[in-house]
């Protein structure tokens, strides 16, 4: 939980940077599978993470995107994905702002 909070704080701080943002789509997130999806898959799908932090279990990859469209009323702005030391996805964390 501590890593998630640190990652989200870092993302909020990075929002001041004038980097271009794109929408990744809810449907792409729903197709990710813990234990199957790899770090390379995530980078291929979403591009390079906005922020990466390491922990004893692996890494937390973070992306920030400006919402382009709503799907089921959700606008996803932040995506964090835990990957283990082998580079395989463990879980997804989404910050949804309405």
PDB file of N, CA and C in Angstrom:
ATOM      1  N   UNK A   1       0.828  -1.193   0.000  1.00  0.00           N
ATOM      2  CA  UNK A   1       0.000   0.000   0.000  1.00  0.00           C
ATOM      3  C   UNK A   1       0.866   1.248   0.000  1.00  0.00           C
ATOM      4  N   UNK A   2       1.973   1.205   0.750  1.00  0.00           N
ATOM      5  CA  UNK A   2       2.862   2.353   0.823  1.00  0.00           C
ATOM      6  C   UNK A   2       3.409   2.690  -0.568  1.00  0.00           C
ATOM      7  N   UNK A   3       3.774   1.658  -1.348  1.00  0.00           N
ATOM      8  CA  UNK A   3       4.305   1.890  -2.689  1.00  0.00           C
ATOM      9  C   UNK A   3       3.260   2.503  -3.614  1.00  0.00           C
ATOM     10  N   UNK A   4       2.016   2.105  -3.443  1.00  0.00           N
ATOM     11  CA  UNK A   4       0.938   2.666  -4.263  1.00  0.00           C
ATOM     12  C   UNK A   4       0.800   4.158  -3.973  1.00  0.00           C
ATOM     13  N   UNK A   5       0.801   4.507  -2.708  1.00  0.00           N
ATOM     14  CA  UNK A   5       0.665   5.915  -2.320  1.00  0.00           C
ATOM     15  C   UNK A   5       1.842   6.722  -2.845  1.00  0.00           C
ATOM     16  N   UNK A   6       3.051   6.189  -2.683  1.00  0.00           N
ATOM     17  CA  UNK A   6       4.238   6.891  -3.179  1.00  0.00           C
ATOM     18  C   UNK A   6       4.150   7.063  -4.692  1.00  0.00           C
ATOM     19  N   UNK A   7       3.729   6.005  -5.384  1.00  0.00           N
ATOM     20  CA  UNK A   7       3.600   6.077  -6.837  1.00  0.00           C
ATOM     21  C   UNK A   7       2.576   7.106  -7.280  1.00  0.00           C
ATOM     22  N   UNK A   8       1.439   7.145  -6.600  1.00  0.00           N
ATOM     23  CA  UNK A   8       0.401   8.109  -6.967  1.00  0.00           C
ATOM     24  C   UNK A   8       0.831   9.544  -6.671  1.00  0.00           C
ATOM     25  N   UNK A   9       1.531   9.742  -5.563  1.00  0.00           N
ATOM     26  CA  UNK A   9       2.042  11.086  -5.256  1.00  0.00           C
ATOM     27  C   UNK A   9       3.024  11.520  -6.339  1.00  0.00           C
ATOM     28  N   UNK A  10       3.896  10.606  -6.745  1.00  0.00           N
ATOM     29  CA  UNK A  10       4.858  10.937  -7.802  1.00  0.00           C
ATOM     30  C   UNK A  10       4.146  11.281  -9.099  1.00  0.00           C
ATOM     31  N   UNK A  11       3.097  10.557  -9.409  1.00  0.00           N
ATOM     32  CA  UNK A  11       2.339  10.841 -10.627  1.00  0.00           C
ATOM     33  C   UNK A  11       1.717  12.225 -10.548  1.00  0.00           C
ATOM     34  N   UNK A  12       1.136  12.549  -9.405  1.00  0.00           N
ATOM     35  CA  UNK A  12       0.538  13.876  -9.255  1.00  0.00           C
ATOM     36  C   UNK A  12       1.585  14.968  -9.440  1.00  0.00           C
ATOM     37  N   UNK A  13       2.788  14.737  -8.935  1.00  0.00           N
ATOM     38  CA  UNK A  13       3.845  15.728  -9.095  1.00  0.00           C
ATOM     39  C   UNK A  13       4.278  15.849 -10.551  1.00  0.00           C
ATOM     40  N   UNK A  14       4.216  14.759 -11.287  1.00  0.00           N
ATOM     41  CA  UNK A  14       4.625  14.780 -12.690  1.00  0.00           C
ATOM     42  C   UNK A  14       3.592  15.439 -13.604  1.00  0.00           C
ATOM     43  N   UNK A  15       2.393  15.663 -13.110  1.00  0.00           N
ATOM     44  CA  UNK A  15       1.359  16.262 -13.953  1.00  0.00           C
ATOM     45  C   UNK A  15       1.719  17.681 -14.370  1.00  0.00           C
ATOM     46  N   UNK A  16       2.612  18.317 -13.657  1.00  0.00           N
ATOM     47  CA  UNK A  16       3.026  19.677 -14.024  1.00  0.00           C
ATOM     48  C   UNK A  16       3.957  19.675 -15.233  1.00  0.00           C
ATOM     49  N   UNK A  17       4.514  18.520 -15.567  1.00  0.00           N
ATOM     50  CA  UNK A  17       5.418  18.428 -16.718  1.00  0.00           C
ATOM     51  C   UNK A  17       4.624  18.529 -18.010  1.00  0.00           C
ATOM     52  N   UNK A  18       5.116  19.272 -18.996  1.00  0.00           N
ATOM     53  CA  UNK A  18       4.373  19.453 -20.236  1.00  0.00           C
ATOM     54  C   UNK A  18       4.550  18.294 -21.216  1.00  0.00           C
ATOM     55  N   UNK A  19       4.455  17.063 -20.744  1.00  0.00           N
ATOM     56  CA  UNK A  19       4.582  15.897 -21.625  1.00  0.00           C
ATOM     57  C   UNK A  19       3.243  15.598 -22.278  1.00  0.00           C
ATOM     58  N   UNK A  20       3.256  15.151 -23.531  1.00  0.00           N
ATOM     59  CA  UNK A  20       1.997  14.797 -24.182  1.00  0.00           C
ATOM     60  C   UNK A  20       1.371  13.592 -23.505  1.00  0.00           C
ATOM     61  N   UNK A  21       0.056  13.591 -23.413  1.00  0.00           N
ATOM     62  CA  UNK A  21      -0.658  12.483 -22.791  1.00  0.00           C
ATOM     63  C   UNK A  21      -1.614  11.883 -23.807  1.00  0.00           C
ATOM     64  N   UNK A  22      -1.858  10.592 -23.675  1.00  0.00           N
ATOM     65  CA  UNK A  22      -2.787   9.927 -24.570  1.00  0.00           C
ATOM     66  C   UNK A  22      -3.731   9.066 -23.759  1.00  0.00           C
ATOM     67  N   UNK A  23      -4.778   8.601 -24.400  1.00  0.00           N
ATOM     68  CA  UNK A  23      -5.767   7.772 -23.733  1.00  0.00           C
ATOM     69  C   UNK A  23      -5.452   6.313 -24.013  1.00  0.00           C
ATOM     70  N   UNK A  24      -5.521   5.474 -22.999  1.00  0.00           N
ATOM     71  CA  UNK A  24      -5.210   4.069 -23.206  1.00  0.00           C
ATOM     72  C   UNK A  24      -6.428   3.189 -23.279  1.00  0.00           C
ATOM     73  N   UNK A  25      -7.577   3.630 -22.886  1.00  0.00           N
ATOM     74  CA  UNK A  25      -8.811   2.881 -23.044  1.00  0.00           C
ATOM     75  C   UNK A  25      -9.034   1.823 -21.983  1.00  0.00           C
ATOM     76  N   UNK A  26     -10.226   1.812 -21.433  1.00  0.00           N
ATOM     77  CA  UNK A  26     -10.601   0.847 -20.415  1.00  0.00           C
ATOM     78  C   UNK A  26     -10.511  -0.572 -20.945  1.00  0.00           C
ATOM     79  N   UNK A  27     -10.883  -0.757 -22.206  1.00  0.00           N
ATOM     80  CA  UNK A  27     -10.883  -2.106 -22.779  1.00  0.00           C
ATOM     81  C   UNK A  27      -9.493  -2.736 -22.777  1.00  0.00           C
ATOM     82  N   UNK A  28      -8.451  -1.945 -22.927  1.00  0.00           N
ATOM     83  CA  UNK A  28      -7.093  -2.483 -22.882  1.00  0.00           C
ATOM     84  C   UNK A  28      -6.745  -2.950 -21.472  1.00  0.00           C
ATOM     85  N   UNK A  29      -7.195  -2.228 -20.463  1.00  0.00           N
ATOM     86  CA  UNK A  29      -6.932  -2.611 -19.078  1.00  0.00           C
ATOM     87  C   UNK A  29      -7.670  -3.900 -18.743  1.00  0.00           C
ATOM     88  N   UNK A  30      -8.899  -4.019 -19.200  1.00  0.00           N
ATOM     89  CA  UNK A  30      -9.698  -5.207 -18.909  1.00  0.00           C
ATOM     90  C   UNK A  30      -9.127  -6.473 -19.531  1.00  0.00           C
ATOM     91  N   UNK A  31      -8.288  -6.347 -20.560  1.00  0.00           N
ATOM     92  CA  UNK A  31      -7.695  -7.511 -21.218  1.00  0.00           C
ATOM     93  C   UNK A  31      -6.402  -7.983 -20.564  1.00  0.00           C
ATOM     94  N   UNK A  32      -5.872  -7.254 -19.589  1.00  0.00           N
ATOM     95  CA  UNK A  32      -4.644  -7.649 -18.910  1.00  0.00           C
ATOM     96  C   UNK A  32      -4.936  -8.808 -17.964  1.00  0.00           C
ATOM     97  N   UNK A  33      -3.983  -9.748 -17.863  1.00  0.00           N
ATOM     98  CA  UNK A  33      -4.190 -10.923 -17.023  1.00  0.00           C
ATOM     99  C   UNK A  33      -3.037 -11.106 -16.044  1.00  0.00           C
ATOM    100  N   UNK A  34      -3.326 -11.010 -14.733  1.00  0.00           N
ATOM    101  CA  UNK A  34      -2.284 -11.274 -13.740  1.00  0.00           C
ATOM    102  C   UNK A  34      -1.708 -12.677 -13.940  1.00  0.00           C
ATOM    103  N   UNK A  35      -0.396 -12.787 -13.806  1.00  0.00           N
ATOM    104  CA  UNK A  35       0.266 -14.067 -13.983  1.00  0.00           C
ATOM    105  C   UNK A  35       0.570 -14.406 -15.428  1.00  0.00           C
ATOM    106  N   UNK A  36       0.043 -13.602 -16.371  1.00  0.00           N
ATOM    107  CA  UNK A  36       0.247 -13.859 -17.802  1.00  0.00           C
ATOM    108  C   UNK A  36       0.901 -12.663 -18.491  1.00  0.00           C
ATOM    109  N   UNK A  37       0.325 -11.488 -18.296  1.00  0.00           N
ATOM    110  CA  UNK A  37       0.822 -10.274 -18.940  1.00  0.00           C
ATOM    111  C   UNK A  37       2.207  -9.924 -18.392  1.00  0.00           C
ATOM    112  N   UNK A  38       3.123  -9.571 -19.286  1.00  0.00           N
ATOM    113  CA  UNK A  38       4.496  -9.250 -18.868  1.00  0.00           C
ATOM    114  C   UNK A  38       4.750  -7.742 -18.927  1.00  0.00           C
ATOM    115  N   UNK A  39       5.870  -7.346 -18.341  1.00  0.00           N
ATOM    116  CA  UNK A  39       6.299  -5.946 -18.385  1.00  0.00           C
ATOM    117  C   UNK A  39       6.438  -5.481 -19.828  1.00  0.00           C
ATOM    118  N   UNK A  40       6.988  -6.329 -20.691  1.00  0.00           N
ATOM    119  CA  UNK A  40       7.142  -5.989 -22.104  1.00  0.00           C
ATOM    120  C   UNK A  40       5.781  -5.795 -22.774  1.00  0.00           C
ATOM    121  N   UNK A  41       4.800  -6.628 -22.411  1.00  0.00           N
ATOM    122  CA  UNK A  41       3.441  -6.464 -22.946  1.00  0.00           C
ATOM    123  C   UNK A  41       2.880  -5.108 -22.548  1.00  0.00           C
ATOM    124  N   UNK A  42       3.057  -4.744 -21.286  1.00  0.00           N
ATOM    125  CA  UNK A  42       2.533  -3.473 -20.779  1.00  0.00           C
ATOM    126  C   UNK A  42       3.137  -2.291 -21.529  1.00  0.00           C
ATOM    127  N   UNK A  43       4.439  -2.328 -21.756  1.00  0.00           N
ATOM    128  CA  UNK A  43       5.108  -1.237 -22.471  1.00  0.00           C
ATOM    129  C   UNK A  43       4.667  -1.208 -23.929  1.00  0.00           C
ATOM    130  N   UNK A  44       4.467  -2.367 -24.529  1.00  0.00           N
ATOM    131  CA  UNK A  44       3.990  -2.422 -25.919  1.00  0.00           C
ATOM    132  C   UNK A  44       2.585  -1.822 -26.030  1.00  0.00           C
ATOM    133  N   UNK A  45       1.736  -2.111 -25.052  1.00  0.00           N
ATOM    134  CA  UNK A  45       0.339  -1.647 -25.085  1.00  0.00           C
ATOM    135  C   UNK A  45       0.221  -0.170 -24.711  1.00  0.00           C
ATOM    136  N   UNK A  46       0.891   0.241 -23.623  1.00  0.00           N
ATOM    137  CA  UNK A  46       0.687   1.574 -23.066  1.00  0.00           C
ATOM    138  C   UNK A  46       1.835   2.548 -23.299  1.00  0.00           C
ATOM    139  N   UNK A  47       2.964   2.067 -23.825  1.00  0.00           N
ATOM    140  CA  UNK A  47       4.126   2.924 -23.980  1.00  0.00           C
ATOM    141  C   UNK A  47       4.939   2.929 -22.694  1.00  0.00           C
ATOM    142  N   UNK A  48       5.997   3.703 -22.694  1.00  0.00           N
ATOM    143  CA  UNK A  48       6.857   3.771 -21.510  1.00  0.00           C
ATOM    144  C   UNK A  48       6.080   4.358 -20.337  1.00  0.00           C
ATOM    145  N   UNK A  49       6.263   3.799 -19.143  1.00  0.00           N
ATOM    146  CA  UNK A  49       5.564   4.328 -17.966  1.00  0.00           C
ATOM    147  C   UNK A  49       5.988   5.764 -17.660  1.00  0.00           C
ATOM    148  N   UNK A  50       5.077   6.501 -17.070  1.00  0.00           N
ATOM    149  CA  UNK A  50       5.361   7.860 -16.625  1.00  0.00           C
ATOM    150  C   UNK A  50       6.338   7.838 -15.460  1.00  0.00           C
ATOM    151  N   UNK A  51       6.198   6.807 -14.610  1.00  0.00           N
ATOM    152  CA  UNK A  51       7.020   6.695 -13.415  1.00  0.00           C
ATOM    153  C   UNK A  51       7.164   5.223 -13.059  1.00  0.00           C
ATOM    154  N   UNK A  52       8.360   4.799 -12.635  1.00  0.00           N
ATOM    155  CA  UNK A  52       8.614   3.427 -12.203  1.00  0.00           C
ATOM    156  C   UNK A  52       9.272   3.464 -10.832  1.00  0.00           C
ATOM    157  N   UNK A  53       8.751   2.651  -9.916  1.00  0.00           N
ATOM    158  CA  UNK A  53       9.400   2.513  -8.608  1.00  0.00           C
ATOM    159  C   UNK A  53       9.677   1.032  -8.365  1.00  0.00           C
ATOM    160  N   UNK A  54      10.760   0.767  -7.660  1.00  0.00           N
ATOM    161  CA  UNK A  54      11.144  -0.612  -7.355  1.00  0.00           C
ATOM    162  C   UNK A  54      10.829  -0.925  -5.904  1.00  0.00           C
ATOM    163  N   UNK A  55      10.534  -2.204  -5.647  1.00  0.00           N
ATOM    164  CA  UNK A  55      10.339  -2.668  -4.283  1.00  0.00           C
ATOM    165  C   UNK A  55      10.939  -4.060  -4.168  1.00  0.00           C
ATOM    166  N   UNK A  56      10.827  -4.678  -3.018  1.00  0.00           N
ATOM    167  CA  UNK A  56      11.450  -5.982  -2.790  1.00  0.00           C
ATOM    168  C   UNK A  56      10.828  -7.091  -3.638  1.00  0.00           C
ATOM    169  N   UNK A  57       9.603  -6.890  -4.104  1.00  0.00           N
ATOM    170  CA  UNK A  57       8.914  -7.912  -4.902  1.00  0.00           C
ATOM    171  C   UNK A  57       9.069  -7.707  -6.393  1.00  0.00           C
ATOM    172  N   UNK A  58       9.451  -6.510  -6.828  1.00  0.00           N
ATOM    173  CA  UNK A  58       9.558  -6.218  -8.252  1.00  0.00           C
ATOM    174  C   UNK A  58       9.478  -4.726  -8.510  1.00  0.00           C
ATOM    175  N   UNK A  59       8.518  -4.326  -9.366  1.00  0.00           N
ATOM    176  CA  UNK A  59       8.368  -2.917  -9.715  1.00  0.00           C
ATOM    177  C   UNK A  59       6.899  -2.521  -9.740  1.00  0.00           C
ATOM    178  N   UNK A  60       6.675  -1.225  -9.578  1.00  0.00           N
ATOM    179  CA  UNK A  60       5.358  -0.634  -9.754  1.00  0.00           C
ATOM    180  C   UNK A  60       5.478   0.311 -10.943  1.00  0.00           C
ATOM    181  N   UNK A  61       4.790  -0.018 -12.036  1.00  0.00           N
ATOM    182  CA  UNK A  61       4.805   0.797 -13.244  1.00  0.00           C
ATOM    183  C   UNK A  61       3.580   1.696 -13.228  1.00  0.00           C
ATOM    184  N   UNK A  62       3.759   2.984 -13.514  1.00  0.00           N
ATOM    185  CA  UNK A  62       2.671   3.959 -13.433  1.00  0.00           C
ATOM    186  C   UNK A  62       2.523   4.721 -14.743  1.00  0.00           C
ATOM    187  N   UNK A  63       1.279   4.888 -15.169  1.00  0.00           N
ATOM    188  CA  UNK A  63       0.971   5.695 -16.347  1.00  0.00           C
ATOM    189  C   UNK A  63      -0.071   6.735 -15.967  1.00  0.00           C
ATOM    190  N   UNK A  64       0.019   7.899 -16.578  1.00  0.00           N
ATOM    191  CA  UNK A  64      -0.989   8.940 -16.412  1.00  0.00           C
ATOM    192  C   UNK A  64      -1.468   9.338 -17.796  1.00  0.00           C
ATOM    193  N   UNK A  65      -2.760   9.419 -17.949  1.00  0.00           N
ATOM    194  CA  UNK A  65      -3.344   9.785 -19.240  1.00  0.00           C
ATOM    195  C   UNK A  65      -4.510  10.734 -19.037  1.00  0.00           C
ATOM    196  N   UNK A  66      -4.686  11.625 -19.969  1.00  0.00           N
ATOM    197  CA  UNK A  66      -5.875  12.474 -19.983  1.00  0.00           C
ATOM    198  C   UNK A  66      -7.015  11.643 -20.555  1.00  0.00           C
ATOM    199  N   UNK A  67      -8.182  11.666 -19.934  1.00  0.00           N
ATOM    200  CA  UNK A  67      -9.292  10.873 -20.452  1.00  0.00           C
ATOM    201  C   UNK A  67      -9.759  11.399 -21.797  1.00  0.00           C
ATOM    202  N   UNK A  68     -10.012  10.477 -22.714  1.00  0.00           N
ATOM    203  CA  UNK A  68     -10.486  10.845 -24.040  1.00  0.00           C
ATOM    204  C   UNK A  68     -11.979  10.572 -24.171  1.00  0.00           C
ATOM    205  N   UNK A  69     -12.414   9.493 -23.565  1.00  0.00           N
ATOM    206  CA  UNK A  69     -13.817   9.108 -23.680  1.00  0.00           C
ATOM    207  C   UNK A  69     -14.225   8.342 -22.430  1.00  0.00           C
ATOM    208  N   UNK A  70     -15.497   8.306 -22.196  1.00  0.00           N
ATOM    209  CA  UNK A  70     -16.022   7.560 -21.068  1.00  0.00           C
ATOM    210  C   UNK A  70     -16.469   6.178 -21.533  1.00  0.00           C
ATOM    211  N   UNK A  71     -16.217   5.191 -20.690  1.00  0.00           N
ATOM    212  CA  UNK A  71     -16.753   3.857 -20.906  1.00  0.00           C
ATOM    213  C   UNK A  71     -17.451   3.481 -19.610  1.00  0.00           C
ATOM    214  N   UNK A  72     -18.754   3.240 -19.672  1.00  0.00           N
ATOM    215  CA  UNK A  72     -19.548   2.948 -18.478  1.00  0.00           C
ATOM    216  C   UNK A  72     -19.405   4.046 -17.420  1.00  0.00           C
ATOM    217  N   UNK A  73     -19.265   5.274 -17.860  1.00  0.00           N
ATOM    218  CA  UNK A  73     -19.177   6.398 -16.936  1.00  0.00           C
ATOM    219  C   UNK A  73     -17.834   6.576 -16.272  1.00  0.00           C
ATOM    220  N   UNK A  74     -16.841   5.742 -16.614  1.00  0.00           N
ATOM    221  CA  UNK A  74     -15.531   5.838 -15.983  1.00  0.00           C
ATOM    222  C   UNK A  74     -14.569   6.655 -16.833  1.00  0.00           C
ATOM    223  N   UNK A  75     -13.811   7.485 -16.163  1.00  0.00           N
ATOM    224  CA  UNK A  75     -12.713   8.208 -16.799  1.00  0.00           C
ATOM    225  C   UNK A  75     -11.453   7.824 -16.044  1.00  0.00           C
ATOM    226  N   UNK A  76     -10.602   7.032 -16.642  1.00  0.00           N
ATOM    227  CA  UNK A  76      -9.391   6.605 -15.952  1.00  0.00           C
ATOM    228  C   UNK A  76      -8.287   7.607 -16.228  1.00  0.00           C
ATOM    229  N   UNK A  77      -7.666   8.071 -15.188  1.00  0.00           N
ATOM    230  CA  UNK A  77      -6.578   9.024 -15.315  1.00  0.00           C
ATOM    231  C   UNK A  77      -5.232   8.413 -14.951  1.00  0.00           C
ATOM    232  N   UNK A  78      -5.221   7.479 -13.991  1.00  0.00           N
ATOM    233  CA  UNK A  78      -3.976   6.901 -13.522  1.00  0.00           C
ATOM    234  C   UNK A  78      -4.067   5.383 -13.526  1.00  0.00           C
ATOM    235  N   UNK A  79      -2.994   4.743 -13.954  1.00  0.00           N
ATOM    236  CA  UNK A  79      -2.915   3.294 -13.970  1.00  0.00           C
ATOM    237  C   UNK A  79      -1.584   2.895 -13.348  1.00  0.00           C
ATOM    238  N   UNK A  80      -1.617   2.002 -12.370  1.00  0.00           N
ATOM    239  CA  UNK A  80      -0.413   1.456 -11.757  1.00  0.00           C
ATOM    240  C   UNK A  80      -0.498  -0.055 -11.836  1.00  0.00           C
ATOM    241  N   UNK A  81       0.606  -0.687 -12.215  1.00  0.00           N
ATOM    242  CA  UNK A  81       0.634  -2.138 -12.351  1.00  0.00           C
ATOM    243  C   UNK A  81       1.843  -2.678 -11.599  1.00  0.00           C
ATOM    244  N   UNK A  82       1.586  -3.623 -10.697  1.00  0.00           N
ATOM    245  CA  UNK A  82       2.664  -4.317  -9.994  1.00  0.00           C
ATOM    246  C   UNK A  82       3.166  -5.454 -10.872  1.00  0.00           C
ATOM    247  N   UNK A  83       4.483  -5.540 -11.044  1.00  0.00           N
ATOM    248  CA  UNK A  83       5.090  -6.687 -11.717  1.00  0.00           C
ATOM    249  C   UNK A  83       6.097  -7.298 -10.754  1.00  0.00           C
ATOM    250  N   UNK A  84       6.223  -8.622 -10.808  1.00  0.00           N
ATOM    251  CA  UNK A  84       7.154  -9.298  -9.910  1.00  0.00           C
ATOM    252  C   UNK A  84       8.582  -9.216 -10.429  1.00  0.00           C
ATOM    253  N   UNK A  85       9.506  -9.850  -9.727  1.00  0.00           N
ATOM    254  CA  UNK A  85      10.922  -9.774 -10.096  1.00  0.00           C
ATOM    255  C   UNK A  85      11.211 -10.438 -11.441  1.00  0.00           C
ATOM    256  N   UNK A  86      10.300 -11.275 -11.917  1.00  0.00           N
ATOM    257  CA  UNK A  86      10.445 -11.908 -13.228  1.00  0.00           C
ATOM    258  C   UNK A  86       9.828 -11.064 -14.347  1.00  0.00           C
ATOM    259  N   UNK A  87       9.181  -9.948 -13.980  1.00  0.00           N
ATOM    260  CA  UNK A  87       8.561  -9.074 -14.968  1.00  0.00           C
ATOM    261  C   UNK A  87       7.161  -9.488 -15.368  1.00  0.00           C
ATOM    262  N   UNK A  88       6.488 -10.281 -14.519  1.00  0.00           N
ATOM    263  CA  UNK A  88       5.124 -10.733 -14.799  1.00  0.00           C
ATOM    264  C   UNK A  88       4.152  -9.943 -13.923  1.00  0.00           C
ATOM    265  N   UNK A  89       3.041  -9.514 -14.518  1.00  0.00           N
ATOM    266  CA  UNK A  89       2.061  -8.700 -13.808  1.00  0.00           C
ATOM    267  C   UNK A  89       1.444  -9.451 -12.634  1.00  0.00           C
ATOM    268  N   UNK A  90       1.346  -8.750 -11.493  1.00  0.00           N
ATOM    269  CA  UNK A  90       0.732  -9.306 -10.295  1.00  0.00           C
ATOM    270  C   UNK A  90      -0.676  -8.742 -10.125  1.00  0.00           C
ATOM    271  N   UNK A  91      -0.810  -7.411 -10.210  1.00  0.00           N
ATOM    272  CA  UNK A  91      -2.132  -6.785 -10.054  1.00  0.00           C
ATOM    273  C   UNK A  91      -2.136  -5.384 -10.657  1.00  0.00           C
ATOM    274  N   UNK A  92      -3.357  -4.876 -10.843  1.00  0.00           N
ATOM    275  CA  UNK A  92      -3.586  -3.557 -11.441  1.00  0.00           C
ATOM    276  C   UNK A  92      -4.250  -2.664 -10.405  1.00  0.00           C
ATOM    277  N   UNK A  93      -3.850  -1.398 -10.400  1.00  0.00           N
ATOM    278  CA  UNK A  93      -4.482  -0.387  -9.565  1.00  0.00           C
ATOM    279  C   UNK A  93      -4.918   0.744 -10.487  1.00  0.00           C
ATOM    280  N   UNK A  94      -6.188   1.100 -10.428  1.00  0.00           N
ATOM    281  CA  UNK A  94      -6.679   2.197 -11.255  1.00  0.00           C
ATOM    282  C   UNK A  94      -7.248   3.279 -10.353  1.00  0.00           C
ATOM    283  N   UNK A  95      -6.922   4.515 -10.662  1.00  0.00           N
ATOM    284  CA  UNK A  95      -7.527   5.654  -9.975  1.00  0.00           C
ATOM    285  C   UNK A  95      -8.542   6.223 -10.947  1.00  0.00           C
ATOM    286  N   UNK A  96      -9.804   6.063 -10.614  1.00  0.00           N
ATOM    287  CA  UNK A  96     -10.889   6.510 -11.486  1.00  0.00           C
ATOM    288  C   UNK A  96     -11.481   7.788 -10.916  1.00  0.00           C
ATOM    289  N   UNK A  97     -11.489   8.814 -11.714  1.00  0.00           N
ATOM    290  CA  UNK A  97     -12.089  10.083 -11.323  1.00  0.00           C
ATOM    291  C   UNK A  97     -13.340  10.301 -12.137  1.00  0.00           C
ATOM    292  N   UNK A  98     -14.416  10.605 -11.488  1.00  0.00           N
ATOM    293  CA  UNK A  98     -15.689  10.824 -12.182  1.00  0.00           C
ATOM    294  C   UNK A  98     -15.854  12.274 -12.534  1.00  0.00           C
TER     295      UNK A  98
END
